[in-house]
N, C-alpha and C. Protein backbone atom coordinates (compact mmCIF):
# COMPACT_ATOMS: atom_id res chain seq x y z
N MET A 1 15.80 9.28 -41.62
CA MET A 1 14.34 9.31 -41.89
C MET A 1 13.59 8.89 -40.65
N THR A 2 14.05 7.84 -39.94
CA THR A 2 13.34 7.39 -38.79
C THR A 2 13.30 8.51 -37.72
N SER A 3 14.39 9.24 -37.54
CA SER A 3 14.43 10.33 -36.61
C SER A 3 13.42 11.43 -36.93
N LEU A 4 13.36 11.73 -38.30
CA LEU A 4 12.46 12.78 -38.75
C LEU A 4 11.01 12.37 -38.52
N LYS A 5 10.75 11.08 -38.84
CA LYS A 5 9.32 10.60 -38.64
C LYS A 5 9.01 10.66 -37.13
N THR A 6 9.94 10.30 -36.30
CA THR A 6 9.68 10.35 -34.86
C THR A 6 9.31 11.74 -34.36
N LYS A 7 10.13 12.69 -34.93
CA LYS A 7 9.95 14.11 -34.53
C LYS A 7 8.56 14.59 -34.99
N LEU A 8 8.23 14.27 -36.24
CA LEU A 8 6.94 14.65 -36.82
C LEU A 8 5.78 14.02 -36.03
N TYR A 9 5.94 12.75 -35.73
CA TYR A 9 4.95 12.03 -34.95
C TYR A 9 4.71 12.72 -33.57
N SER A 10 5.80 13.03 -32.96
CA SER A 10 5.82 13.63 -31.59
C SER A 10 5.12 14.97 -31.60
N ALA A 11 5.44 15.83 -32.66
CA ALA A 11 4.86 17.21 -32.74
C ALA A 11 3.36 17.09 -33.02
N PHE A 12 2.93 16.22 -33.94
CA PHE A 12 1.61 16.05 -34.27
C PHE A 12 0.68 15.46 -33.09
N ASP A 13 1.35 14.51 -32.47
CA ASP A 13 0.66 13.90 -31.29
C ASP A 13 0.47 14.94 -30.21
N SER A 14 1.49 15.76 -29.93
CA SER A 14 1.40 16.80 -28.86
C SER A 14 0.26 17.75 -29.16
N LEU A 15 0.15 18.21 -30.40
CA LEU A 15 -0.87 19.21 -30.74
C LEU A 15 -2.27 18.56 -30.70
N LEU A 16 -2.40 17.38 -31.30
CA LEU A 16 -3.70 16.72 -31.34
C LEU A 16 -4.18 16.41 -29.92
N THR A 17 -3.25 15.86 -29.10
CA THR A 17 -3.69 15.43 -27.78
C THR A 17 -4.06 16.59 -26.95
N LYS A 18 -3.40 17.69 -27.04
CA LYS A 18 -3.70 18.87 -26.21
C LYS A 18 -5.07 19.42 -26.66
N LEU A 19 -5.33 19.49 -27.96
CA LEU A 19 -6.66 19.96 -28.42
C LEU A 19 -7.78 19.11 -27.92
N LYS A 20 -7.56 17.75 -27.94
CA LYS A 20 -8.60 16.79 -27.49
C LYS A 20 -8.83 16.83 -25.99
N LEU A 21 -7.74 17.01 -25.27
CA LEU A 21 -7.84 16.74 -23.79
C LEU A 21 -7.85 18.02 -22.92
N GLU A 22 -7.50 19.13 -23.48
CA GLU A 22 -7.41 20.34 -22.65
C GLU A 22 -8.65 20.64 -21.92
N LEU A 23 -9.80 20.53 -22.56
CA LEU A 23 -11.08 20.85 -21.94
C LEU A 23 -11.33 19.83 -20.83
N PHE A 24 -11.09 18.54 -21.13
CA PHE A 24 -11.34 17.47 -20.12
C PHE A 24 -10.49 17.76 -18.89
N TYR A 25 -9.17 17.99 -19.04
CA TYR A 25 -8.29 18.10 -17.93
C TYR A 25 -8.57 19.44 -17.18
N HIS A 26 -9.18 20.45 -17.83
CA HIS A 26 -9.52 21.67 -17.15
C HIS A 26 -10.45 21.40 -16.04
N TYR A 27 -11.36 20.38 -16.19
CA TYR A 27 -12.34 20.11 -15.24
C TYR A 27 -12.00 18.85 -14.43
N SER A 28 -10.85 18.37 -14.57
CA SER A 28 -10.46 17.15 -13.88
C SER A 28 -9.73 17.41 -12.55
N THR A 29 -9.37 16.34 -11.86
CA THR A 29 -8.68 16.58 -10.61
C THR A 29 -7.19 16.89 -10.78
N ASP A 30 -6.78 16.90 -12.04
CA ASP A 30 -5.30 17.21 -12.34
C ASP A 30 -5.35 18.28 -13.44
N PRO A 31 -5.91 19.47 -13.21
CA PRO A 31 -6.09 20.41 -14.23
C PRO A 31 -4.83 21.06 -14.86
N ASN A 32 -3.76 20.92 -14.12
CA ASN A 32 -2.53 21.53 -14.60
C ASN A 32 -1.60 20.58 -15.35
N LEU A 33 -2.09 19.29 -15.56
CA LEU A 33 -1.23 18.26 -16.06
C LEU A 33 -0.64 18.60 -17.43
N LEU A 34 -1.55 19.09 -18.38
CA LEU A 34 -1.01 19.29 -19.72
C LEU A 34 0.03 20.41 -19.77
N ASP A 35 -0.22 21.47 -18.98
CA ASP A 35 0.78 22.53 -18.91
C ASP A 35 2.12 22.03 -18.33
N GLU A 36 1.98 21.18 -17.38
CA GLU A 36 3.19 20.61 -16.72
C GLU A 36 3.99 19.72 -17.69
N ILE A 37 3.25 18.93 -18.47
CA ILE A 37 3.91 18.10 -19.50
C ILE A 37 4.62 18.93 -20.55
N ASP A 38 3.86 20.00 -20.99
CA ASP A 38 4.42 20.89 -22.00
C ASP A 38 5.78 21.52 -21.56
N LYS A 39 5.80 21.93 -20.24
CA LYS A 39 7.01 22.56 -19.73
C LYS A 39 8.16 21.58 -19.73
N LEU A 40 7.86 20.38 -19.32
CA LEU A 40 8.97 19.35 -19.26
C LEU A 40 9.47 19.01 -20.66
N ARG A 41 8.58 18.94 -21.63
CA ARG A 41 8.98 18.71 -22.98
C ARG A 41 9.76 19.82 -23.61
N LYS A 42 9.33 21.08 -23.35
CA LYS A 42 10.05 22.22 -23.88
C LYS A 42 11.47 22.35 -23.29
N LYS A 43 11.54 21.91 -22.06
CA LYS A 43 12.89 21.99 -21.42
C LYS A 43 13.73 20.73 -21.76
N GLN A 44 13.17 19.87 -22.60
CA GLN A 44 13.82 18.64 -23.08
C GLN A 44 14.22 17.73 -21.87
N LEU A 45 13.30 17.71 -20.90
CA LEU A 45 13.59 16.84 -19.69
C LEU A 45 13.02 15.47 -19.86
N MET A 46 12.19 15.27 -20.98
CA MET A 46 11.71 13.92 -21.26
C MET A 46 11.31 13.92 -22.77
N LEU A 47 11.32 12.69 -23.33
CA LEU A 47 10.97 12.48 -24.73
C LEU A 47 9.55 11.87 -24.86
N LEU A 48 8.89 11.58 -23.83
CA LEU A 48 7.54 11.09 -23.90
C LEU A 48 6.67 12.08 -24.60
N THR A 49 5.79 11.61 -25.50
CA THR A 49 4.78 12.46 -26.03
C THR A 49 3.78 12.89 -24.99
N VAL A 50 2.90 13.78 -25.33
CA VAL A 50 1.86 14.25 -24.38
C VAL A 50 1.00 13.02 -23.96
N SER A 51 0.52 12.32 -24.95
CA SER A 51 -0.33 11.15 -24.61
C SER A 51 0.36 10.10 -23.79
N GLU A 52 1.70 9.90 -24.10
CA GLU A 52 2.46 8.91 -23.35
C GLU A 52 2.64 9.34 -21.89
N ALA A 53 2.90 10.64 -21.72
CA ALA A 53 3.05 11.16 -20.38
C ALA A 53 1.80 11.07 -19.56
N ILE A 54 0.65 11.34 -20.18
CA ILE A 54 -0.66 11.25 -19.54
C ILE A 54 -0.92 9.77 -19.18
N GLN A 55 -0.58 8.82 -20.04
CA GLN A 55 -0.75 7.39 -19.74
C GLN A 55 0.07 7.04 -18.52
N LEU A 56 1.26 7.54 -18.43
CA LEU A 56 2.17 7.28 -17.35
C LEU A 56 1.45 7.76 -16.05
N CYS A 57 1.02 8.96 -16.06
CA CYS A 57 0.40 9.58 -14.88
C CYS A 57 -0.83 8.74 -14.45
N GLU A 58 -1.62 8.41 -15.42
CA GLU A 58 -2.80 7.59 -15.08
C GLU A 58 -2.44 6.26 -14.42
N CYS A 59 -1.42 5.64 -14.96
CA CYS A 59 -0.97 4.34 -14.31
C CYS A 59 -0.51 4.51 -12.89
N VAL A 60 0.29 5.60 -12.67
CA VAL A 60 0.80 5.92 -11.27
C VAL A 60 -0.38 6.12 -10.33
N ALA A 61 -1.34 6.95 -10.84
CA ALA A 61 -2.44 7.23 -9.93
C ALA A 61 -3.26 5.93 -9.62
N ARG A 62 -3.38 5.09 -10.61
CA ARG A 62 -4.08 3.78 -10.41
C ARG A 62 -3.39 2.97 -9.36
N CYS A 63 -2.02 3.11 -9.27
CA CYS A 63 -1.38 2.19 -8.41
C CYS A 63 -1.05 2.70 -6.99
N THR A 64 -1.42 3.92 -6.73
CA THR A 64 -1.08 4.44 -5.36
C THR A 64 -1.81 3.75 -4.27
N THR A 65 -2.92 3.07 -4.58
CA THR A 65 -3.68 2.35 -3.56
C THR A 65 -3.21 0.93 -3.38
N ILE A 66 -2.23 0.50 -4.20
CA ILE A 66 -1.68 -0.86 -4.10
C ILE A 66 -0.50 -0.85 -3.24
N PRO A 67 -0.33 -1.65 -2.28
CA PRO A 67 0.86 -1.67 -1.40
C PRO A 67 2.11 -1.98 -2.26
N GLY A 68 3.17 -1.29 -1.95
CA GLY A 68 4.48 -1.50 -2.65
C GLY A 68 5.10 -0.25 -3.14
N GLY A 69 6.40 -0.36 -3.37
CA GLY A 69 7.15 0.84 -3.92
C GLY A 69 6.95 1.00 -5.40
N MET A 70 7.51 2.03 -5.98
CA MET A 70 7.47 2.32 -7.37
C MET A 70 8.89 2.39 -7.87
N ALA A 71 9.09 2.26 -9.21
CA ALA A 71 10.42 2.31 -9.74
C ALA A 71 10.41 2.80 -11.20
N GLU A 72 11.54 3.31 -11.59
CA GLU A 72 11.74 3.63 -13.04
C GLU A 72 13.13 3.23 -13.36
N VAL A 73 13.24 2.51 -14.47
CA VAL A 73 14.58 2.11 -14.93
C VAL A 73 14.78 2.84 -16.31
N GLY A 74 15.76 3.70 -16.32
CA GLY A 74 15.97 4.63 -17.48
C GLY A 74 15.39 5.98 -17.19
N VAL A 75 16.12 6.68 -16.31
CA VAL A 75 15.70 7.98 -15.81
C VAL A 75 16.09 9.16 -16.74
N SER A 76 17.28 9.09 -17.23
CA SER A 76 17.84 10.16 -18.16
C SER A 76 17.66 11.51 -17.50
N ASN A 77 17.00 12.43 -18.11
CA ASN A 77 16.97 13.82 -17.61
C ASN A 77 15.92 14.01 -16.53
N GLY A 78 15.13 12.97 -16.20
CA GLY A 78 14.26 13.03 -15.02
C GLY A 78 12.86 13.50 -15.19
N GLY A 79 12.40 13.88 -16.41
CA GLY A 79 11.04 14.35 -16.61
C GLY A 79 9.98 13.40 -16.19
N SER A 80 10.06 12.13 -16.65
CA SER A 80 9.05 11.14 -16.30
C SER A 80 9.17 10.77 -14.79
N ALA A 81 10.38 10.70 -14.28
CA ALA A 81 10.54 10.43 -12.85
C ALA A 81 9.90 11.52 -12.00
N LEU A 82 9.94 12.79 -12.51
CA LEU A 82 9.31 13.87 -11.75
C LEU A 82 7.81 13.70 -11.72
N LEU A 83 7.18 13.31 -12.88
CA LEU A 83 5.79 13.07 -12.96
C LEU A 83 5.39 11.94 -11.96
N ILE A 84 6.19 10.93 -11.87
CA ILE A 84 5.88 9.86 -10.91
C ILE A 84 6.01 10.33 -9.47
N ALA A 85 7.05 11.08 -9.19
CA ALA A 85 7.31 11.55 -7.87
C ALA A 85 6.20 12.46 -7.37
N GLN A 86 5.64 13.22 -8.25
CA GLN A 86 4.57 14.16 -7.86
C GLN A 86 3.27 13.41 -7.59
N ARG A 87 3.18 12.18 -7.99
CA ARG A 87 1.85 11.47 -7.89
C ARG A 87 1.94 10.19 -7.11
N LYS A 88 3.06 9.86 -6.54
CA LYS A 88 3.27 8.55 -5.96
C LYS A 88 2.75 8.43 -4.53
N GLY A 89 2.30 9.57 -3.97
CA GLY A 89 1.85 9.64 -2.57
C GLY A 89 3.02 9.29 -1.63
N THR A 90 2.74 8.35 -0.68
CA THR A 90 3.79 8.06 0.31
C THR A 90 4.69 6.84 -0.16
N ASN A 91 4.46 6.35 -1.36
CA ASN A 91 5.24 5.20 -1.85
C ASN A 91 6.70 5.61 -2.02
N THR A 92 7.55 4.62 -1.84
CA THR A 92 8.94 4.88 -2.15
C THR A 92 9.09 4.81 -3.69
N LEU A 93 10.11 5.54 -4.16
CA LEU A 93 10.44 5.49 -5.62
C LEU A 93 11.89 5.20 -5.83
N HIS A 94 12.14 4.07 -6.51
CA HIS A 94 13.52 3.63 -6.81
C HIS A 94 13.79 4.09 -8.26
N LEU A 95 14.96 4.82 -8.40
CA LEU A 95 15.33 5.29 -9.74
C LEU A 95 16.67 4.69 -10.17
N PHE A 96 16.65 4.04 -11.33
CA PHE A 96 17.87 3.32 -11.85
C PHE A 96 18.36 3.96 -13.10
N ASP A 97 19.65 4.25 -13.18
CA ASP A 97 20.22 4.76 -14.43
C ASP A 97 21.76 4.78 -14.26
N THR A 98 22.45 4.62 -15.38
CA THR A 98 23.89 4.79 -15.35
C THR A 98 24.26 6.28 -15.56
N PHE A 99 23.37 7.02 -16.22
CA PHE A 99 23.55 8.39 -16.62
C PHE A 99 24.70 8.53 -17.64
N GLU A 100 25.12 7.37 -18.16
CA GLU A 100 26.13 7.39 -19.24
C GLU A 100 25.53 7.04 -20.63
N GLY A 101 24.21 6.99 -20.66
CA GLY A 101 23.54 6.66 -21.91
C GLY A 101 23.40 5.17 -22.08
N LEU A 102 22.85 4.77 -23.24
CA LEU A 102 22.65 3.36 -23.54
C LEU A 102 23.95 2.56 -23.59
N PRO A 103 23.84 1.29 -23.21
CA PRO A 103 25.03 0.40 -23.40
C PRO A 103 25.02 -0.03 -24.91
N GLU A 104 25.91 -0.90 -25.24
CA GLU A 104 26.02 -1.37 -26.66
C GLU A 104 24.69 -1.93 -27.12
N ASN A 105 24.21 -1.55 -28.30
CA ASN A 105 23.02 -2.08 -28.87
C ASN A 105 23.14 -3.63 -29.03
N ASP A 106 22.03 -4.33 -28.77
CA ASP A 106 22.06 -5.78 -28.82
C ASP A 106 21.49 -6.36 -30.09
N ALA A 107 21.52 -5.55 -31.18
CA ALA A 107 21.27 -6.06 -32.52
C ALA A 107 19.82 -6.13 -32.93
N TYR A 108 18.89 -5.84 -32.03
CA TYR A 108 17.47 -5.91 -32.28
C TYR A 108 17.01 -4.51 -32.66
N GLY A 109 17.33 -4.04 -33.91
CA GLY A 109 17.03 -2.72 -34.35
C GLY A 109 18.29 -1.83 -34.27
N THR A 110 18.34 -0.89 -35.20
CA THR A 110 19.56 -0.03 -35.31
C THR A 110 19.23 1.38 -34.89
N TYR A 111 18.05 1.68 -34.45
CA TYR A 111 17.72 3.07 -34.09
C TYR A 111 18.53 3.60 -32.93
N PHE A 112 18.79 2.74 -31.89
CA PHE A 112 19.45 3.18 -30.73
C PHE A 112 20.97 3.00 -30.84
N LYS A 113 21.70 4.00 -30.27
CA LYS A 113 23.14 3.94 -30.33
C LYS A 113 23.77 4.01 -28.93
N LYS A 114 24.99 3.52 -28.87
CA LYS A 114 25.74 3.50 -27.58
C LYS A 114 25.91 4.88 -27.09
N ASN A 115 25.66 5.14 -25.79
CA ASN A 115 25.75 6.37 -25.09
C ASN A 115 24.64 7.39 -25.47
N GLN A 116 23.71 6.99 -26.26
CA GLN A 116 22.53 7.78 -26.52
C GLN A 116 21.78 8.03 -25.19
N TYR A 117 21.25 9.24 -25.08
CA TYR A 117 20.46 9.67 -23.88
C TYR A 117 21.33 9.83 -22.61
N LYS A 118 22.62 10.06 -22.81
CA LYS A 118 23.44 10.42 -21.67
C LYS A 118 22.91 11.69 -21.00
N ALA A 119 22.97 11.69 -19.64
CA ALA A 119 22.35 12.79 -18.88
C ALA A 119 23.24 13.18 -17.73
N SER A 120 22.97 14.30 -17.17
CA SER A 120 23.74 14.74 -15.96
C SER A 120 23.01 14.22 -14.71
N MET A 121 23.67 13.42 -13.98
CA MET A 121 23.10 12.83 -12.73
C MET A 121 22.83 13.99 -11.74
N GLU A 122 23.73 14.92 -11.65
CA GLU A 122 23.59 16.03 -10.71
C GLU A 122 22.32 16.83 -11.07
N ASN A 123 22.10 17.19 -12.35
CA ASN A 123 20.92 17.96 -12.72
C ASN A 123 19.66 17.18 -12.46
N THR A 124 19.70 15.88 -12.76
CA THR A 124 18.51 15.10 -12.57
C THR A 124 18.13 14.96 -11.11
N GLN A 125 19.13 14.67 -10.27
CA GLN A 125 18.87 14.63 -8.82
C GLN A 125 18.38 16.00 -8.29
N GLN A 126 18.88 17.05 -8.80
CA GLN A 126 18.42 18.38 -8.35
C GLN A 126 17.00 18.62 -8.70
N LEU A 127 16.52 18.08 -9.87
CA LEU A 127 15.12 18.22 -10.28
C LEU A 127 14.20 17.56 -9.25
N LEU A 128 14.63 16.48 -8.66
CA LEU A 128 13.70 15.79 -7.73
C LEU A 128 14.09 16.00 -6.27
N LYS A 129 14.88 16.90 -5.91
CA LYS A 129 15.43 17.00 -4.60
C LYS A 129 14.42 17.23 -3.50
N LYS A 130 13.23 17.85 -3.85
CA LYS A 130 12.31 18.13 -2.75
C LYS A 130 11.35 17.01 -2.45
N TYR A 131 11.47 15.92 -3.18
CA TYR A 131 10.55 14.83 -2.97
C TYR A 131 11.16 13.80 -2.08
N GLU A 132 10.36 13.26 -1.19
CA GLU A 132 10.81 12.27 -0.20
C GLU A 132 10.65 10.88 -0.70
N GLN A 133 11.33 10.00 0.02
CA GLN A 133 11.34 8.52 -0.29
C GLN A 133 11.84 8.26 -1.73
N ILE A 134 12.81 8.94 -2.12
CA ILE A 134 13.44 8.70 -3.43
C ILE A 134 14.76 7.99 -3.22
N HIS A 135 14.97 6.86 -3.87
CA HIS A 135 16.22 6.12 -3.72
C HIS A 135 16.91 6.00 -5.04
N TRP A 136 18.15 6.47 -5.14
CA TRP A 136 18.91 6.51 -6.38
C TRP A 136 19.78 5.30 -6.48
N HIS A 137 19.81 4.65 -7.65
CA HIS A 137 20.64 3.42 -7.87
C HIS A 137 21.42 3.73 -9.13
N VAL A 138 22.61 4.23 -9.00
CA VAL A 138 23.42 4.75 -10.15
C VAL A 138 24.40 3.58 -10.59
N GLY A 139 24.27 3.22 -11.79
CA GLY A 139 25.11 2.17 -12.30
C GLY A 139 24.27 1.30 -13.25
N LEU A 140 24.90 0.14 -13.59
CA LEU A 140 24.29 -0.71 -14.56
C LEU A 140 23.29 -1.70 -13.89
N PHE A 141 22.01 -1.57 -14.23
CA PHE A 141 21.02 -2.55 -13.78
C PHE A 141 21.20 -3.89 -14.41
N PRO A 142 20.95 -5.03 -13.73
CA PRO A 142 20.31 -5.15 -12.44
C PRO A 142 21.31 -5.21 -11.24
N ALA A 143 22.59 -5.05 -11.50
CA ALA A 143 23.56 -5.11 -10.40
C ALA A 143 23.23 -4.10 -9.34
N THR A 144 22.70 -2.96 -9.78
CA THR A 144 22.39 -1.89 -8.76
C THR A 144 21.10 -2.15 -7.97
N ALA A 145 20.40 -3.20 -8.34
CA ALA A 145 19.17 -3.55 -7.61
C ALA A 145 19.39 -4.64 -6.58
N GLU A 146 20.64 -5.11 -6.48
CA GLU A 146 20.95 -6.16 -5.48
C GLU A 146 20.54 -5.72 -4.08
N GLY A 147 19.84 -6.66 -3.39
CA GLY A 147 19.38 -6.38 -2.03
C GLY A 147 18.05 -5.77 -1.90
N ILE A 148 17.42 -5.41 -2.95
CA ILE A 148 16.07 -4.88 -2.89
C ILE A 148 15.08 -5.97 -2.81
N ILE A 149 14.28 -6.04 -1.78
CA ILE A 149 13.40 -7.16 -1.52
C ILE A 149 11.92 -6.75 -1.47
N GLU A 150 11.67 -5.42 -1.52
CA GLU A 150 10.29 -5.03 -1.32
C GLU A 150 9.38 -5.32 -2.54
N LYS A 151 8.10 -5.26 -2.33
CA LYS A 151 7.13 -5.45 -3.37
C LYS A 151 6.98 -4.11 -4.15
N PHE A 152 6.50 -4.21 -5.40
CA PHE A 152 6.30 -2.99 -6.21
C PHE A 152 4.88 -2.91 -6.74
N SER A 153 4.33 -1.72 -6.70
CA SER A 153 3.01 -1.50 -7.28
C SER A 153 3.04 -0.94 -8.71
N PHE A 154 4.12 -0.27 -9.06
CA PHE A 154 4.27 0.31 -10.41
C PHE A 154 5.73 0.41 -10.78
N VAL A 155 6.00 0.04 -12.02
CA VAL A 155 7.36 0.08 -12.56
C VAL A 155 7.30 0.74 -13.97
N HIS A 156 8.09 1.67 -14.26
CA HIS A 156 8.19 2.27 -15.63
C HIS A 156 9.59 1.92 -16.16
N LEU A 157 9.46 1.27 -17.38
CA LEU A 157 10.74 0.90 -18.09
C LEU A 157 10.93 1.83 -19.32
N ASP A 158 12.11 2.41 -19.40
CA ASP A 158 12.47 3.18 -20.58
C ASP A 158 13.88 2.93 -20.91
N VAL A 159 14.17 1.64 -21.25
CA VAL A 159 15.53 1.22 -21.45
C VAL A 159 15.87 0.84 -22.88
N ASP A 160 14.86 0.80 -23.74
CA ASP A 160 15.08 0.77 -25.23
C ASP A 160 15.55 -0.55 -25.85
N LEU A 161 16.32 -1.31 -25.08
CA LEU A 161 16.98 -2.43 -25.68
C LEU A 161 16.45 -3.78 -25.17
N TYR A 162 16.71 -4.88 -25.91
CA TYR A 162 16.23 -6.20 -25.59
C TYR A 162 16.80 -6.66 -24.24
N ALA A 163 18.08 -6.72 -24.07
CA ALA A 163 18.69 -7.28 -22.87
C ALA A 163 18.28 -6.52 -21.64
N SER A 164 18.30 -5.19 -21.72
CA SER A 164 17.98 -4.34 -20.61
C SER A 164 16.54 -4.56 -20.16
N THR A 165 15.61 -4.64 -21.16
CA THR A 165 14.21 -4.86 -20.87
C THR A 165 13.96 -6.27 -20.25
N LEU A 166 14.67 -7.26 -20.77
CA LEU A 166 14.47 -8.64 -20.25
C LEU A 166 15.03 -8.69 -18.83
N ASP A 167 16.12 -8.09 -18.55
CA ASP A 167 16.67 -8.05 -17.16
C ASP A 167 15.70 -7.38 -16.23
N ALA A 168 15.07 -6.34 -16.64
CA ALA A 168 14.14 -5.57 -15.77
C ALA A 168 12.89 -6.46 -15.52
N LEU A 169 12.42 -7.13 -16.51
CA LEU A 169 11.23 -7.98 -16.31
C LEU A 169 11.55 -9.14 -15.38
N LYS A 170 12.70 -9.77 -15.56
CA LYS A 170 13.11 -10.83 -14.70
C LYS A 170 13.23 -10.39 -13.23
N PHE A 171 13.66 -9.14 -12.99
CA PHE A 171 13.83 -8.68 -11.65
C PHE A 171 12.53 -8.24 -11.03
N PHE A 172 11.72 -7.51 -11.75
CA PHE A 172 10.54 -6.87 -11.17
C PHE A 172 9.28 -7.77 -11.14
N TYR A 173 9.14 -8.60 -12.16
CA TYR A 173 7.88 -9.40 -12.26
C TYR A 173 7.59 -10.22 -10.97
N PRO A 174 8.58 -10.91 -10.39
CA PRO A 174 8.25 -11.70 -9.19
C PRO A 174 7.97 -10.77 -7.97
N LYS A 175 8.36 -9.50 -8.06
CA LYS A 175 8.19 -8.62 -6.94
C LYS A 175 6.97 -7.73 -7.09
N MET A 176 6.17 -7.87 -8.17
CA MET A 176 4.97 -7.05 -8.36
C MET A 176 3.90 -7.48 -7.45
N ALA A 177 3.26 -6.53 -6.78
CA ALA A 177 2.04 -6.84 -6.07
C ALA A 177 0.87 -7.16 -7.01
N GLN A 178 -0.14 -7.84 -6.51
CA GLN A 178 -1.29 -8.17 -7.33
C GLN A 178 -1.97 -6.82 -7.76
N GLY A 179 -2.22 -6.74 -9.06
CA GLY A 179 -2.78 -5.50 -9.63
C GLY A 179 -1.76 -4.46 -9.98
N GLY A 180 -0.47 -4.72 -9.66
CA GLY A 180 0.60 -3.81 -10.08
C GLY A 180 0.77 -3.70 -11.52
N ILE A 181 1.39 -2.63 -12.00
CA ILE A 181 1.51 -2.38 -13.45
C ILE A 181 2.95 -2.17 -13.79
N ILE A 182 3.40 -2.89 -14.83
CA ILE A 182 4.69 -2.60 -15.48
C ILE A 182 4.40 -1.94 -16.79
N LEU A 183 4.83 -0.72 -16.92
CA LEU A 183 4.58 0.08 -18.15
C LEU A 183 5.92 0.32 -18.83
N THR A 184 5.98 0.03 -20.16
CA THR A 184 7.22 0.26 -20.87
C THR A 184 7.06 1.26 -22.05
N HIS A 185 8.10 2.01 -22.33
CA HIS A 185 8.15 2.82 -23.48
C HIS A 185 8.84 2.10 -24.60
N ASP A 186 8.65 2.61 -25.82
CA ASP A 186 9.33 2.11 -27.04
C ASP A 186 8.92 0.70 -27.50
N TYR A 187 7.68 0.32 -27.02
CA TYR A 187 7.23 -1.05 -27.39
C TYR A 187 6.99 -1.16 -28.90
N ARG A 188 6.52 -0.13 -29.57
CA ARG A 188 6.25 -0.19 -30.98
C ARG A 188 7.55 0.06 -31.81
N PHE A 189 8.38 1.03 -31.32
CA PHE A 189 9.53 1.39 -32.12
C PHE A 189 10.71 0.45 -31.95
N SER A 190 10.77 -0.27 -30.85
CA SER A 190 11.97 -1.13 -30.56
C SER A 190 11.63 -2.56 -30.72
N ALA A 191 12.18 -3.25 -31.68
CA ALA A 191 12.02 -4.66 -31.82
C ALA A 191 12.56 -5.42 -30.61
N GLY A 192 13.57 -4.81 -29.97
CA GLY A 192 14.19 -5.49 -28.84
C GLY A 192 13.25 -5.49 -27.60
N VAL A 193 12.55 -4.35 -27.37
CA VAL A 193 11.60 -4.26 -26.27
C VAL A 193 10.43 -5.27 -26.51
N ARG A 194 9.88 -5.30 -27.64
CA ARG A 194 8.83 -6.20 -27.98
C ARG A 194 9.26 -7.66 -27.85
N LYS A 195 10.41 -8.00 -28.36
CA LYS A 195 10.99 -9.34 -28.28
C LYS A 195 11.13 -9.78 -26.77
N ALA A 196 11.63 -8.85 -25.92
CA ALA A 196 11.79 -9.19 -24.49
C ALA A 196 10.48 -9.45 -23.86
N PHE A 197 9.45 -8.66 -24.11
CA PHE A 197 8.11 -8.86 -23.50
C PHE A 197 7.46 -10.08 -23.95
N MET A 198 7.50 -10.33 -25.26
CA MET A 198 6.89 -11.53 -25.80
C MET A 198 7.52 -12.82 -25.28
N GLU A 199 8.83 -12.82 -25.23
CA GLU A 199 9.57 -14.00 -24.69
C GLU A 199 9.28 -14.20 -23.25
N PHE A 200 9.31 -13.13 -22.47
CA PHE A 200 9.17 -13.27 -21.04
C PHE A 200 7.72 -13.64 -20.66
N CYS A 201 6.78 -13.14 -21.38
CA CYS A 201 5.39 -13.38 -21.05
C CYS A 201 4.82 -14.70 -21.66
N ALA A 202 5.63 -15.34 -22.47
CA ALA A 202 5.18 -16.54 -23.16
C ALA A 202 4.59 -17.59 -22.31
N ASP A 203 5.18 -17.77 -21.09
CA ASP A 203 4.66 -18.81 -20.18
C ASP A 203 4.00 -18.20 -18.93
N LYS A 204 3.59 -16.94 -19.02
CA LYS A 204 2.93 -16.21 -17.90
C LYS A 204 1.44 -16.09 -18.20
N LYS A 205 0.76 -15.83 -17.15
CA LYS A 205 -0.78 -15.57 -17.31
C LYS A 205 -0.94 -14.18 -17.92
N GLU A 206 0.00 -13.29 -17.73
CA GLU A 206 -0.12 -11.92 -18.15
C GLU A 206 0.44 -11.76 -19.58
N ALA A 207 -0.30 -11.06 -20.40
CA ALA A 207 0.17 -10.80 -21.81
C ALA A 207 0.35 -9.26 -21.96
N PRO A 208 1.39 -8.84 -22.65
CA PRO A 208 1.55 -7.38 -22.84
C PRO A 208 0.42 -6.80 -23.60
N LEU A 209 -0.08 -5.73 -23.11
CA LEU A 209 -1.12 -4.94 -23.76
C LEU A 209 -0.52 -3.75 -24.48
N ALA A 210 -0.45 -3.82 -25.80
CA ALA A 210 0.10 -2.67 -26.60
C ALA A 210 -0.96 -1.56 -26.57
N LEU A 211 -0.49 -0.35 -26.25
CA LEU A 211 -1.39 0.82 -26.24
C LEU A 211 -1.32 1.57 -27.55
N ALA A 212 -2.20 2.49 -27.73
CA ALA A 212 -2.21 3.32 -28.95
C ALA A 212 -0.98 4.20 -29.01
N THR A 213 -0.32 4.37 -27.98
CA THR A 213 0.93 5.18 -27.92
C THR A 213 2.11 4.21 -28.27
N ASN A 214 3.33 4.65 -28.00
CA ASN A 214 4.51 3.80 -28.18
C ASN A 214 4.82 3.07 -26.89
N GLN A 215 3.76 2.61 -26.21
CA GLN A 215 3.85 1.97 -24.89
C GLN A 215 3.15 0.62 -24.87
N ALA A 216 3.46 -0.15 -23.84
CA ALA A 216 2.71 -1.38 -23.54
C ALA A 216 2.76 -1.58 -22.05
N LEU A 217 1.83 -2.37 -21.55
CA LEU A 217 1.85 -2.69 -20.09
C LEU A 217 1.40 -4.12 -19.83
N ILE A 218 1.79 -4.55 -18.66
CA ILE A 218 1.20 -5.81 -18.14
C ILE A 218 0.70 -5.50 -16.73
N VAL A 219 -0.39 -6.16 -16.30
CA VAL A 219 -0.91 -6.02 -15.02
C VAL A 219 -0.74 -7.37 -14.26
N LYS A 220 -0.04 -7.37 -13.13
CA LYS A 220 0.15 -8.59 -12.40
C LYS A 220 -1.16 -9.14 -11.89
N LEU A 221 -1.44 -10.36 -12.24
CA LEU A 221 -2.76 -10.94 -11.87
C LEU A 221 -2.78 -11.56 -10.56
N SER A 222 -1.60 -12.03 -10.05
CA SER A 222 -1.60 -12.70 -8.77
C SER A 222 -0.21 -12.65 -8.16
């Protein structure tokens, strides 16, 4: 039932968002964005809804003027990474994934299963081959992030589970530049993602902002 509801939500959201935004984006500085998102979704290269993909692109565009690299943890088939790579400017982009799917679920919700979202590393890397300043970190995060010391302006998390989300927040939060954004997927659908954000931010100045999509973000204040 959950899967059916998710599919129906995704289909309805895609249609409604396109009807509402097509005219606006026709006259915007990114007039091909909706068509681009549609193509990625039809090729099953990402599971983000249309509105979620637009939100991702808006955050990336906002952060290109902030010094620091960008990152995505949970790359899978590479659709969202491609949207970031196309809009990141000269910023470096660090991509983290095992390409073996999700690890064992950590008991905060039963929707996600072990090895879910397994993807081809070769196909994903081929999708982004023409973009420069891409750094691949294949394996289990955060071990694959060892040695990275640079600041970050934008981070996209799509890791679904409590422990993975908490590990990512612990690693990236101290490295975020002022004004930098951490955007997460599955904030509404995954109890584990919400729990990780609420626990981590409990003693921080920043509070997670839940969006109207299945996303939330925090903006580093200092």
